[in-house]
């Protein structure tokens, strides 16, 4: 009787990822709130450049953290980490959208001729646009319904996050003209995350 009652009792473990999701949601919005405060209070010398930098930075951070979820799960055995990956990826896309919108609206005022010229003539913008285009289908198909609809193709499609991340990092490296320290840190983190995946795949093939 006691064991049956215990089986029916709710456990704290399943609720933990939900708590983490709520905390993650709030934390992911904080950079945007801070950026808005800085701009509204006039602390930014160049508001457009500041917003462009903040949104681009957090789009890139979001991509890196999203890619870090699987290696962290392998190392820690914490399966619930995977439940955070979708939200992390969507927040990366959210900041990428804001980054692009800042450029299109506040920087270029939707001057499509100038925008087209930038895409064709400025390589770092070309790479940034290409990275964004690759992220769009990943965001659109991030739902459970699309996962069921695409079946095995869903996993193959979402591997586009790898070239998108590479393009995003190169976009940042090309943008920075002087001190490449920070862009190279992102490049190193990305190389590590992709290297861990290749190592795991190699070991799996060796075992088989």
Protein backbone atom coordinates (compact mmCIF):
# COMPACT_ATOMS: atom_id res chain seq x y z
CA UNK A 1 0.00 0.00 0.00
CA UNK A 2 2.76 2.40 0.89
CA UNK A 3 4.61 1.81 -2.38
CA UNK A 4 1.43 2.44 -4.35
CA UNK A 5 0.86 5.72 -2.59
CA UNK A 6 4.42 6.79 -3.20
CA UNK A 7 4.04 6.05 -6.88
CA UNK A 8 1.18 8.48 -7.08
CA UNK A 9 2.98 11.29 -5.33
CA UNK A 10 4.48 14.03 -7.52
CA UNK A 11 8.24 14.23 -7.44
CA UNK A 12 10.36 17.37 -7.43
CA UNK A 13 12.67 16.24 -10.24
CA UNK A 14 10.31 16.75 -13.22
CA UNK A 15 9.55 20.30 -12.06
CA UNK A 16 13.22 21.27 -11.95
CA UNK A 17 13.61 21.79 -15.72
CA UNK A 18 10.47 23.95 -15.70
CA UNK A 19 11.97 26.14 -12.98
CA UNK A 20 15.18 26.37 -14.98
CA UNK A 21 13.21 27.34 -18.08
CA UNK A 22 11.50 30.16 -16.20
CA UNK A 23 14.81 31.42 -14.83
CA UNK A 24 16.42 31.11 -18.25
CA UNK A 25 13.58 33.07 -19.87
CA UNK A 26 14.04 35.95 -17.45
CA UNK A 27 17.84 35.86 -17.69
CA UNK A 28 17.76 35.87 -21.49
CA UNK A 29 15.70 39.07 -21.52
CA UNK A 30 17.98 40.96 -19.13
CA UNK A 31 20.48 42.10 -21.82
CA UNK A 32 17.61 43.60 -23.80
CA UNK A 33 16.20 45.35 -20.74
CA UNK A 34 19.63 46.73 -19.87
CA UNK A 35 20.20 47.91 -23.45
CA UNK A 36 16.85 49.68 -23.45
CA UNK A 37 17.69 51.38 -20.16
CA UNK A 38 21.08 52.55 -21.43
CA UNK A 39 19.55 54.00 -24.60
CA UNK A 40 16.56 55.64 -22.89
CA UNK A 41 18.72 57.28 -20.23
CA UNK A 42 21.11 58.64 -22.86
CA UNK A 43 24.15 56.71 -21.66
CA UNK A 44 24.96 55.37 -25.13
CA UNK A 45 27.15 57.70 -27.19
CA UNK A 46 25.95 56.05 -30.41
CA UNK A 47 22.64 54.29 -29.64
CA UNK A 48 22.36 52.49 -32.98
CA UNK A 49 25.90 51.13 -32.77
CA UNK A 50 25.32 50.14 -29.15
CA UNK A 51 22.10 48.25 -29.87
CA UNK A 52 23.68 46.59 -32.90
CA UNK A 53 26.59 45.42 -30.76
CA UNK A 54 24.42 44.17 -27.87
CA UNK A 55 21.98 42.23 -30.05
CA UNK A 56 24.77 40.74 -32.16
CA UNK A 57 26.74 39.73 -29.09
CA UNK A 58 23.81 37.97 -27.45
CA UNK A 59 22.80 36.25 -30.68
CA UNK A 60 26.32 34.82 -30.81
CA UNK A 61 26.34 33.94 -27.11
CA UNK A 62 22.98 32.23 -27.57
CA UNK A 63 24.36 30.11 -30.39
CA UNK A 64 27.41 29.10 -28.37
CA UNK A 65 25.34 28.18 -25.30
CA UNK A 66 22.88 26.23 -27.45
CA UNK A 67 25.73 24.26 -28.98
CA UNK A 68 27.15 23.64 -25.50
CA UNK A 69 24.02 21.83 -24.28
CA UNK A 70 24.78 18.44 -25.85
CA UNK A 71 28.44 18.29 -24.69
CA UNK A 72 27.32 19.28 -21.18
CA UNK A 73 24.77 16.49 -21.21
CA UNK A 74 27.40 13.97 -22.31
CA UNK A 75 29.79 15.09 -19.59
CA UNK A 76 27.28 15.39 -16.75
CA UNK A 77 24.62 12.85 -17.69
CA UNK A 78 21.92 15.48 -17.03
CA UNK A 79 19.26 14.68 -19.59
CA UNK A 80 17.07 17.61 -18.55
CA UNK A 81 19.57 19.98 -20.16
CA UNK A 82 18.12 19.04 -23.53
CA UNK A 83 14.81 20.56 -22.46
CA UNK A 84 16.51 23.96 -22.34
CA UNK A 85 18.08 23.74 -25.79
CA UNK A 86 15.03 24.82 -27.77
CA UNK A 87 14.51 27.95 -25.68
CA UNK A 88 18.20 28.81 -25.91
CA UNK A 89 18.13 28.42 -29.68
CA UNK A 90 15.01 30.54 -30.02
CA UNK A 91 16.52 33.29 -27.90
CA UNK A 92 19.62 33.22 -30.12
CA UNK A 93 17.33 33.65 -33.12
CA UNK A 94 15.37 36.38 -31.32
CA UNK A 95 18.52 38.43 -30.76
CA UNK A 96 19.64 37.72 -34.34
CA UNK A 97 16.30 39.13 -35.55
CA UNK A 98 16.79 42.25 -33.42
CA UNK A 99 20.35 42.55 -34.71
CA UNK A 100 19.15 42.39 -38.31
CA UNK A 101 16.21 44.73 -37.66
CA UNK A 102 18.53 47.29 -36.08
CA UNK A 103 20.66 47.27 -39.21
CA UNK A 104 17.72 47.38 -41.65
CA UNK A 105 15.67 49.99 -39.79
CA UNK A 106 17.82 52.16 -37.54
CA UNK A 107 21.02 52.02 -39.60
CA UNK A 108 19.77 51.88 -43.20
CA UNK A 109 16.15 53.11 -42.77
CA UNK A 110 14.98 50.30 -45.07
CA UNK A 111 16.95 51.72 -47.99
CA UNK A 112 16.94 48.48 -49.97
CA UNK A 113 19.36 49.80 -52.59
CA UNK A 114 21.94 50.60 -49.92
CA UNK A 115 21.24 47.31 -48.16
CA UNK A 116 21.71 45.36 -51.38
CA UNK A 117 24.96 47.21 -52.03
CA UNK A 118 26.19 46.35 -48.52
CA UNK A 119 25.34 42.67 -48.95
CA UNK A 120 27.23 42.49 -52.24
CA UNK A 121 30.20 44.71 -51.39
CA UNK A 122 30.82 44.23 -47.65
CA UNK A 123 31.83 40.62 -46.92
CA UNK A 124 31.05 40.69 -43.19
CA UNK A 125 27.46 41.71 -43.96
CA UNK A 126 27.23 39.01 -46.63
CA UNK A 127 28.29 36.39 -44.08
CA UNK A 128 25.95 37.76 -41.43
CA UNK A 129 22.99 37.62 -43.80
CA UNK A 130 23.91 34.08 -44.83
CA UNK A 131 24.07 33.02 -41.18
CA UNK A 132 20.64 34.53 -40.52
CA UNK A 133 19.11 32.81 -43.56
CA UNK A 134 20.37 29.45 -42.26
CA UNK A 135 18.83 30.11 -38.85
CA UNK A 136 15.35 30.89 -40.21
CA UNK A 137 14.31 27.30 -41.06
CA UNK A 138 15.66 26.12 -37.71
CA UNK A 139 13.44 28.57 -35.82
CA UNK A 140 10.41 27.80 -37.99
CA UNK A 141 10.74 24.04 -37.52
CA UNK A 142 11.61 24.12 -33.82
CA UNK A 143 8.15 22.95 -32.69
CA UNK A 144 7.17 19.40 -31.75
CA UNK A 145 4.71 19.36 -34.66
CA UNK A 146 7.48 20.03 -37.17
CA UNK A 147 9.69 17.45 -35.48
CA UNK A 148 6.98 14.81 -35.96
CA UNK A 149 6.31 15.94 -39.52
CA UNK A 150 9.93 15.90 -40.66
CA UNK A 151 10.89 12.77 -38.66
CA UNK A 152 14.52 11.84 -39.39
CA UNK A 153 14.94 14.81 -41.72
CA UNK A 154 14.46 17.15 -38.76
CA UNK A 155 17.83 16.23 -37.27
CA UNK A 156 19.59 16.65 -40.59
CA UNK A 157 17.96 20.03 -41.14
CA UNK A 158 18.99 21.29 -37.71
CA UNK A 159 22.62 20.53 -38.44
CA UNK A 160 22.49 23.83 -40.29
CA UNK A 161 23.23 25.37 -36.91
CA UNK A 162 26.87 24.36 -37.40
CA UNK A 163 27.56 26.32 -40.62
CA UNK A 164 25.35 29.15 -39.32
CA UNK A 165 27.51 29.41 -36.20
CA UNK A 166 30.72 29.33 -38.24
CA UNK A 167 29.41 32.10 -40.50
CA UNK A 168 28.33 34.15 -37.48
CA UNK A 169 31.78 33.91 -35.88
CA UNK A 170 33.56 34.78 -39.13
CA UNK A 171 31.09 37.67 -39.56
CA UNK A 172 32.20 39.00 -36.18
CA UNK A 173 35.89 38.44 -36.88
CA UNK A 174 35.63 40.27 -40.21
CA UNK A 175 33.70 43.13 -38.61
CA UNK A 176 36.35 43.82 -35.96
CA UNK A 177 39.27 45.59 -37.57
CA UNK A 178 41.69 46.03 -34.67
CA UNK A 179 41.61 43.91 -31.53
CA UNK A 180 40.54 40.39 -32.50
CA UNK A 181 40.78 38.99 -28.97
CA UNK A 182 37.05 38.63 -28.33
CA UNK A 183 36.17 37.28 -31.81
CA UNK A 184 38.97 34.73 -31.51
CA UNK A 185 37.62 33.63 -28.13
CA UNK A 186 34.28 32.91 -29.81
CA UNK A 187 36.13 31.08 -32.58
CA UNK A 188 37.99 28.99 -30.00
CA UNK A 189 34.80 28.12 -28.12
CA UNK A 190 33.08 27.14 -31.37
CA UNK A 191 36.06 25.02 -32.44
CA UNK A 192 35.97 23.24 -29.07
CA UNK A 193 32.23 22.55 -29.26
CA UNK A 194 32.44 21.25 -32.82
CA UNK A 195 35.57 19.27 -31.98
CA UNK A 196 33.80 17.50 -29.11
CA UNK A 197 31.06 16.45 -31.50
CA UNK A 198 33.54 15.09 -34.02
CA UNK A 199 35.39 13.22 -31.27
CA UNK A 200 32.19 11.65 -30.01
CA UNK A 201 31.17 10.58 -33.51
CA UNK A 202 34.63 9.10 -34.11
CA UNK A 203 34.45 7.10 -30.87
CA UNK A 204 30.96 5.83 -31.70
CA UNK A 205 32.15 4.60 -35.10
CA UNK A 206 35.22 3.01 -33.55
CA UNK A 207 33.13 1.12 -31.00
CA UNK A 208 30.73 -0.08 -33.67
